Amino acid sequence: MRRIGGVMLTVTSFLACPCHLIITLPLLASLLAGTTLGSFLTRNTDLVYAFASIYFIVALALGYWFLFGQKRGKRDADVACPTFAPVLSDTQVQESSAQLEGLPREGDNTYVNARAL
């Protein structure tokens, strides 16, 4: 996921580069001709250049960081099949007397008739 984000940010930063904007801004304005966004792009070219320059710098830096930055170490939660060690429980499960009525308790040496159950 980190690699895909880095590639997308790097590619879009090069598309928004101010030196490429001389070609891409008229193409984008002609594609959006007759729309509100096309009108905004043609009337506010200085603002578009300013925002494109800021996006170029930020997206290029983030794309570089995602692609070549320090990798995060694997955590136990990131493992596909984590292994769980058995944990001793302090609580004991209490058996309901309704379910065990008539059955012998542990350590009780009484005879149980299987037909009676």
N, C-alpha and C. Protein backbone atom coordinates (compact mmCIF):
# COMPACT_ATOMS: atom_id res chain seq x y z
N MET A 1 0.83 -1.18 0.00
CA MET A 1 0.00 0.00 0.00
C MET A 1 0.88 1.26 0.00
N ARG A 2 1.96 1.16 0.72
CA ARG A 2 2.87 2.29 0.81
C ARG A 2 3.52 2.56 -0.54
N ARG A 3 3.83 1.51 -1.28
CA ARG A 3 4.47 1.66 -2.58
C ARG A 3 3.49 2.28 -3.59
N ILE A 4 2.24 1.84 -3.57
CA ILE A 4 1.24 2.38 -4.50
C ILE A 4 1.02 3.87 -4.24
N GLY A 5 0.91 4.23 -2.97
CA GLY A 5 0.73 5.65 -2.63
C GLY A 5 1.92 6.49 -3.05
N GLY A 6 3.13 5.95 -2.88
CA GLY A 6 4.33 6.67 -3.29
C GLY A 6 4.39 6.88 -4.79
N VAL A 7 4.02 5.87 -5.55
CA VAL A 7 4.02 5.99 -7.01
C VAL A 7 2.96 7.00 -7.47
N MET A 8 1.76 6.91 -6.88
CA MET A 8 0.69 7.84 -7.28
C MET A 8 1.06 9.29 -6.96
N LEU A 9 1.61 9.52 -5.78
CA LEU A 9 2.01 10.89 -5.43
C LEU A 9 3.12 11.40 -6.33
N THR A 10 4.08 10.55 -6.68
CA THR A 10 5.18 10.98 -7.53
C THR A 10 4.69 11.29 -8.94
N VAL A 11 3.84 10.45 -9.49
CA VAL A 11 3.32 10.68 -10.85
C VAL A 11 2.47 11.94 -10.90
N THR A 12 1.57 12.12 -9.94
CA THR A 12 0.73 13.32 -9.96
C THR A 12 1.54 14.58 -9.67
N SER A 13 2.62 14.45 -8.91
CA SER A 13 3.46 15.64 -8.67
C SER A 13 4.16 16.06 -9.96
N PHE A 14 4.59 15.09 -10.77
CA PHE A 14 5.22 15.46 -12.04
C PHE A 14 4.21 16.03 -13.03
N LEU A 15 2.97 15.58 -12.94
CA LEU A 15 1.94 16.17 -13.81
C LEU A 15 1.60 17.60 -13.39
N ALA A 16 1.70 17.89 -12.10
CA ALA A 16 1.39 19.24 -11.60
C ALA A 16 2.62 20.13 -11.55
N CYS A 17 3.74 19.65 -12.04
CA CYS A 17 4.97 20.44 -12.03
C CYS A 17 4.76 21.74 -12.80
N PRO A 18 5.23 22.86 -12.27
CA PRO A 18 5.03 24.14 -12.96
C PRO A 18 5.66 24.20 -14.35
N CYS A 19 6.73 23.48 -14.58
CA CYS A 19 7.32 23.51 -15.93
C CYS A 19 6.48 22.70 -16.92
N HIS A 20 5.76 21.69 -16.47
CA HIS A 20 4.86 20.94 -17.35
C HIS A 20 3.50 21.63 -17.45
N LEU A 21 3.23 22.51 -16.53
CA LEU A 21 1.92 23.17 -16.50
C LEU A 21 1.71 24.09 -17.70
N ILE A 22 2.78 24.49 -18.36
CA ILE A 22 2.66 25.31 -19.57
C ILE A 22 1.92 24.52 -20.65
N ILE A 23 2.10 23.21 -20.67
CA ILE A 23 1.42 22.35 -21.64
C ILE A 23 0.10 21.81 -21.09
N THR A 24 0.12 21.38 -19.84
CA THR A 24 -1.07 20.70 -19.30
C THR A 24 -2.21 21.64 -18.93
N LEU A 25 -1.91 22.87 -18.55
CA LEU A 25 -2.99 23.80 -18.17
C LEU A 25 -3.87 24.16 -19.36
N PRO A 26 -3.33 24.52 -20.54
CA PRO A 26 -4.24 24.77 -21.68
C PRO A 26 -5.00 23.51 -22.11
N LEU A 27 -4.36 22.34 -22.01
CA LEU A 27 -5.07 21.10 -22.36
C LEU A 27 -6.22 20.84 -21.39
N LEU A 28 -5.95 21.04 -20.11
CA LEU A 28 -6.99 20.84 -19.10
C LEU A 28 -8.11 21.88 -19.25
N ALA A 29 -7.74 23.12 -19.54
CA ALA A 29 -8.76 24.16 -19.73
C ALA A 29 -9.62 23.89 -20.96
N SER A 30 -9.01 23.34 -22.02
CA SER A 30 -9.80 23.04 -23.22
C SER A 30 -10.70 21.82 -23.00
N LEU A 31 -10.24 20.86 -22.19
CA LEU A 31 -11.09 19.72 -21.88
C LEU A 31 -12.28 20.13 -21.01
N LEU A 32 -12.06 21.11 -20.15
CA LEU A 32 -13.12 21.56 -19.24
C LEU A 32 -13.83 22.82 -19.74
N ALA A 33 -13.68 23.12 -21.02
CA ALA A 33 -14.29 24.33 -21.59
C ALA A 33 -15.82 24.27 -21.44
N GLY A 34 -16.39 25.39 -21.02
CA GLY A 34 -17.83 25.47 -20.84
C GLY A 34 -18.28 25.07 -19.45
N THR A 35 -17.37 24.67 -18.60
CA THR A 35 -17.72 24.32 -17.23
C THR A 35 -17.21 25.40 -16.28
N THR A 36 -17.67 25.34 -15.09
CA THR A 36 -17.24 26.31 -14.08
C THR A 36 -15.76 26.13 -13.77
N LEU A 37 -15.31 24.90 -13.68
CA LEU A 37 -13.91 24.64 -13.39
C LEU A 37 -13.01 25.12 -14.53
N GLY A 38 -13.43 24.94 -15.77
CA GLY A 38 -12.66 25.45 -16.92
C GLY A 38 -12.56 26.96 -16.91
N SER A 39 -13.65 27.62 -16.55
CA SER A 39 -13.65 29.07 -16.45
C SER A 39 -12.72 29.54 -15.33
N PHE A 40 -12.73 28.83 -14.20
CA PHE A 40 -11.85 29.18 -13.09
C PHE A 40 -10.39 29.02 -13.48
N LEU A 41 -10.05 27.95 -14.19
CA LEU A 41 -8.67 27.71 -14.59
C LEU A 41 -8.15 28.78 -15.54
N THR A 42 -8.98 29.24 -16.46
CA THR A 42 -8.52 30.25 -17.42
C THR A 42 -8.45 31.64 -16.80
N ARG A 43 -9.27 31.95 -15.83
CA ARG A 43 -9.27 33.29 -15.23
C ARG A 43 -8.28 33.43 -14.08
N ASN A 44 -7.90 32.35 -13.42
CA ASN A 44 -7.01 32.41 -12.26
C ASN A 44 -5.76 31.57 -12.47
N THR A 45 -5.05 31.83 -13.54
CA THR A 45 -3.87 31.02 -13.84
C THR A 45 -2.76 31.21 -12.81
N ASP A 46 -2.63 32.42 -12.26
CA ASP A 46 -1.59 32.64 -11.24
C ASP A 46 -1.87 31.80 -9.98
N LEU A 47 -3.11 31.74 -9.58
CA LEU A 47 -3.48 30.93 -8.43
C LEU A 47 -3.27 29.45 -8.70
N VAL A 48 -3.58 29.01 -9.92
CA VAL A 48 -3.38 27.61 -10.31
C VAL A 48 -1.90 27.28 -10.27
N TYR A 49 -1.04 28.18 -10.77
CA TYR A 49 0.40 27.96 -10.74
C TYR A 49 0.93 27.89 -9.30
N ALA A 50 0.40 28.73 -8.43
CA ALA A 50 0.85 28.73 -7.03
C ALA A 50 0.47 27.41 -6.34
N PHE A 51 -0.78 26.98 -6.49
CA PHE A 51 -1.21 25.73 -5.86
C PHE A 51 -0.52 24.51 -6.49
N ALA A 52 -0.29 24.56 -7.79
CA ALA A 52 0.41 23.45 -8.44
C ALA A 52 1.85 23.36 -7.97
N SER A 53 2.49 24.49 -7.74
CA SER A 53 3.87 24.48 -7.25
C SER A 53 3.94 23.91 -5.83
N ILE A 54 3.01 24.31 -4.99
CA ILE A 54 2.98 23.79 -3.61
C ILE A 54 2.69 22.29 -3.63
N TYR A 55 1.73 21.87 -4.45
CA TYR A 55 1.41 20.44 -4.52
C TYR A 55 2.60 19.66 -5.06
N PHE A 56 3.31 20.22 -6.05
CA PHE A 56 4.47 19.54 -6.62
C PHE A 56 5.52 19.26 -5.56
N ILE A 57 5.83 20.24 -4.75
CA ILE A 57 6.87 20.09 -3.73
C ILE A 57 6.43 19.09 -2.65
N VAL A 58 5.22 19.25 -2.15
CA VAL A 58 4.74 18.38 -1.07
C VAL A 58 4.56 16.94 -1.56
N ALA A 59 3.93 16.75 -2.71
CA ALA A 59 3.68 15.40 -3.22
C ALA A 59 4.98 14.70 -3.60
N LEU A 60 5.94 15.43 -4.13
CA LEU A 60 7.22 14.82 -4.48
C LEU A 60 7.98 14.38 -3.23
N ALA A 61 7.93 15.19 -2.18
CA ALA A 61 8.60 14.83 -0.93
C ALA A 61 7.91 13.62 -0.28
N LEU A 62 6.58 13.62 -0.24
CA LEU A 62 5.86 12.49 0.35
C LEU A 62 6.02 11.21 -0.48
N GLY A 63 6.01 11.35 -1.80
CA GLY A 63 6.22 10.19 -2.67
C GLY A 63 7.60 9.59 -2.46
N TYR A 64 8.61 10.43 -2.34
CA TYR A 64 9.96 9.95 -2.07
C TYR A 64 10.02 9.25 -0.71
N TRP A 65 9.37 9.84 0.28
CA TRP A 65 9.38 9.26 1.62
C TRP A 65 8.67 7.90 1.64
N PHE A 66 7.54 7.79 0.92
CA PHE A 66 6.83 6.52 0.86
C PHE A 66 7.63 5.46 0.11
N LEU A 67 8.32 5.85 -0.95
CA LEU A 67 9.05 4.87 -1.75
C LEU A 67 10.39 4.49 -1.15
N PHE A 68 11.14 5.46 -0.65
CA PHE A 68 12.50 5.20 -0.22
C PHE A 68 12.75 5.46 1.25
N GLY A 69 11.73 5.81 1.99
CA GLY A 69 11.89 6.11 3.41
C GLY A 69 12.14 4.86 4.23
N GLN A 70 12.38 5.07 5.50
CA GLN A 70 12.64 3.97 6.41
C GLN A 70 11.41 3.10 6.53
N LYS A 71 11.62 1.82 6.37
CA LYS A 71 10.51 0.88 6.45
C LYS A 71 10.15 0.63 7.91
N ARG A 72 8.88 0.41 8.15
CA ARG A 72 8.39 0.11 9.49
C ARG A 72 8.66 -1.35 9.80
N GLY A 73 9.09 -1.62 11.00
CA GLY A 73 9.35 -2.99 11.40
C GLY A 73 8.06 -3.77 11.56
N LYS A 74 8.15 -5.09 11.40
CA LYS A 74 6.95 -5.92 11.56
C LYS A 74 6.56 -6.00 13.01
N ARG A 75 5.29 -5.84 13.24
CA ARG A 75 4.74 -5.98 14.59
C ARG A 75 3.98 -7.29 14.65
N ASP A 76 3.70 -7.74 15.85
CA ASP A 76 2.95 -8.99 16.01
C ASP A 76 1.55 -8.88 15.43
N ALA A 77 0.98 -7.69 15.46
CA ALA A 77 -0.38 -7.52 14.95
C ALA A 77 -0.41 -7.55 13.43
N ASP A 78 0.74 -7.33 12.76
CA ASP A 78 0.78 -7.32 11.30
C ASP A 78 0.96 -8.71 10.70
N VAL A 79 1.27 -9.68 11.50
CA VAL A 79 1.51 -11.02 11.00
C VAL A 79 0.18 -11.62 10.55
N ALA A 80 0.21 -12.36 9.44
CA ALA A 80 -1.03 -12.90 8.88
C ALA A 80 -1.70 -13.89 9.82
N CYS A 81 -0.92 -14.77 10.39
CA CYS A 81 -1.47 -15.79 11.30
C CYS A 81 -0.72 -15.72 12.62
N PRO A 82 -1.13 -14.85 13.50
CA PRO A 82 -0.40 -14.75 14.76
C PRO A 82 -0.62 -16.00 15.60
N THR A 83 0.38 -16.35 16.36
CA THR A 83 0.25 -17.49 17.26
C THR A 83 -0.06 -16.96 18.64
N PHE A 84 -0.97 -17.62 19.29
CA PHE A 84 -1.37 -17.21 20.62
C PHE A 84 -0.86 -18.23 21.62
N ALA A 85 -0.14 -17.76 22.60
CA ALA A 85 0.33 -18.63 23.66
C ALA A 85 -0.79 -18.80 24.67
N PRO A 86 -0.93 -20.00 25.23
CA PRO A 86 -2.00 -20.19 26.22
C PRO A 86 -1.74 -19.35 27.46
N VAL A 87 -2.78 -18.78 27.96
CA VAL A 87 -2.69 -17.92 29.13
C VAL A 87 -3.48 -18.58 30.25
N LEU A 88 -2.88 -18.64 31.43
CA LEU A 88 -3.59 -19.18 32.58
C LEU A 88 -4.64 -18.19 33.04
N SER A 89 -5.81 -18.69 33.28
CA SER A 89 -6.90 -17.82 33.68
C SER A 89 -7.05 -17.85 35.19
N ASP A 90 -7.29 -16.70 35.78
CA ASP A 90 -7.51 -16.61 37.21
C ASP A 90 -8.96 -16.95 37.58
N THR A 91 -9.84 -16.84 36.63
CA THR A 91 -11.25 -17.10 36.92
C THR A 91 -11.59 -18.52 36.53
N GLN A 92 -12.47 -19.11 37.25
CA GLN A 92 -12.92 -20.46 36.95
C GLN A 92 -14.35 -20.40 36.46
N VAL A 93 -14.64 -21.25 35.51
CA VAL A 93 -15.99 -21.30 34.99
C VAL A 93 -16.85 -22.07 35.98
N GLN A 94 -17.92 -21.45 36.40
CA GLN A 94 -18.82 -22.10 37.35
C GLN A 94 -19.89 -22.83 36.56
N GLU A 95 -20.04 -24.07 36.88
CA GLU A 95 -21.03 -24.88 36.19
C GLU A 95 -22.39 -24.66 36.83
N SER A 96 -23.38 -24.59 36.01
CA SER A 96 -24.71 -24.39 36.56
C SER A 96 -25.23 -25.71 37.11
N SER A 97 -25.88 -25.64 38.22
CA SER A 97 -26.38 -26.85 38.87
C SER A 97 -27.54 -27.46 38.09
N ALA A 98 -28.20 -26.67 37.27
CA ALA A 98 -29.33 -27.19 36.51
C ALA A 98 -28.86 -28.15 35.44
N GLN A 99 -27.71 -27.90 34.84
CA GLN A 99 -27.21 -28.77 33.79
C GLN A 99 -26.61 -30.05 34.36
N LEU A 100 -26.06 -29.98 35.55
CA LEU A 100 -25.36 -31.13 36.11
C LEU A 100 -26.19 -31.88 37.15
N GLU A 101 -27.46 -31.64 37.19
CA GLU A 101 -28.30 -32.30 38.19
C GLU A 101 -28.36 -33.80 37.91
N GLY A 102 -28.03 -34.56 38.88
CA GLY A 102 -28.07 -36.00 38.75
C GLY A 102 -26.78 -36.61 38.24
N LEU A 103 -25.83 -35.83 37.78
CA LEU A 103 -24.55 -36.36 37.32
C LEU A 103 -23.55 -36.36 38.46
N PRO A 104 -22.66 -37.33 38.48
CA PRO A 104 -21.68 -37.36 39.57
C PRO A 104 -20.65 -36.25 39.42
N ARG A 105 -20.20 -35.75 40.52
CA ARG A 105 -19.16 -34.71 40.54
C ARG A 105 -17.80 -35.36 40.38
N GLU A 106 -16.80 -34.57 40.08
CA GLU A 106 -15.45 -35.07 39.94
C GLU A 106 -14.96 -35.61 41.28
N GLY A 107 -14.37 -36.80 41.24
CA GLY A 107 -13.91 -37.42 42.46
C GLY A 107 -14.98 -38.23 43.16
N ASP A 108 -16.21 -38.20 42.67
CA ASP A 108 -17.31 -38.94 43.26
C ASP A 108 -17.31 -40.34 42.63
N ASN A 109 -17.27 -41.37 43.43
CA ASN A 109 -17.19 -42.74 42.94
C ASN A 109 -18.55 -43.42 42.92
N THR A 110 -19.57 -42.76 42.50
CA THR A 110 -20.89 -43.37 42.44
C THR A 110 -21.13 -43.94 41.06
N TYR A 111 -22.00 -44.95 41.03
CA TYR A 111 -22.34 -45.60 39.79
C TYR A 111 -23.45 -44.81 39.10
N VAL A 112 -23.29 -44.60 37.77
CA VAL A 112 -24.30 -43.89 36.99
C VAL A 112 -24.88 -44.85 36.00
N ASN A 113 -26.19 -44.98 36.01
CA ASN A 113 -26.87 -45.83 35.06
C ASN A 113 -27.01 -45.06 33.76
N ALA A 114 -26.45 -45.60 32.68
CA ALA A 114 -26.48 -44.91 31.40
C ALA A 114 -27.88 -44.81 30.85
N ARG A 115 -28.78 -45.77 31.18
CA ARG A 115 -30.14 -45.72 30.68
C ARG A 115 -30.95 -44.64 31.36
N ALA A 116 -30.56 -44.25 32.56
CA ALA A 116 -31.29 -43.22 33.28
C ALA A 116 -31.02 -41.82 32.71
N LEU A 117 -29.94 -41.70 32.00
CA LEU A 117 -29.61 -40.39 31.42
C LEU A 117 -30.33 -40.25 30.15
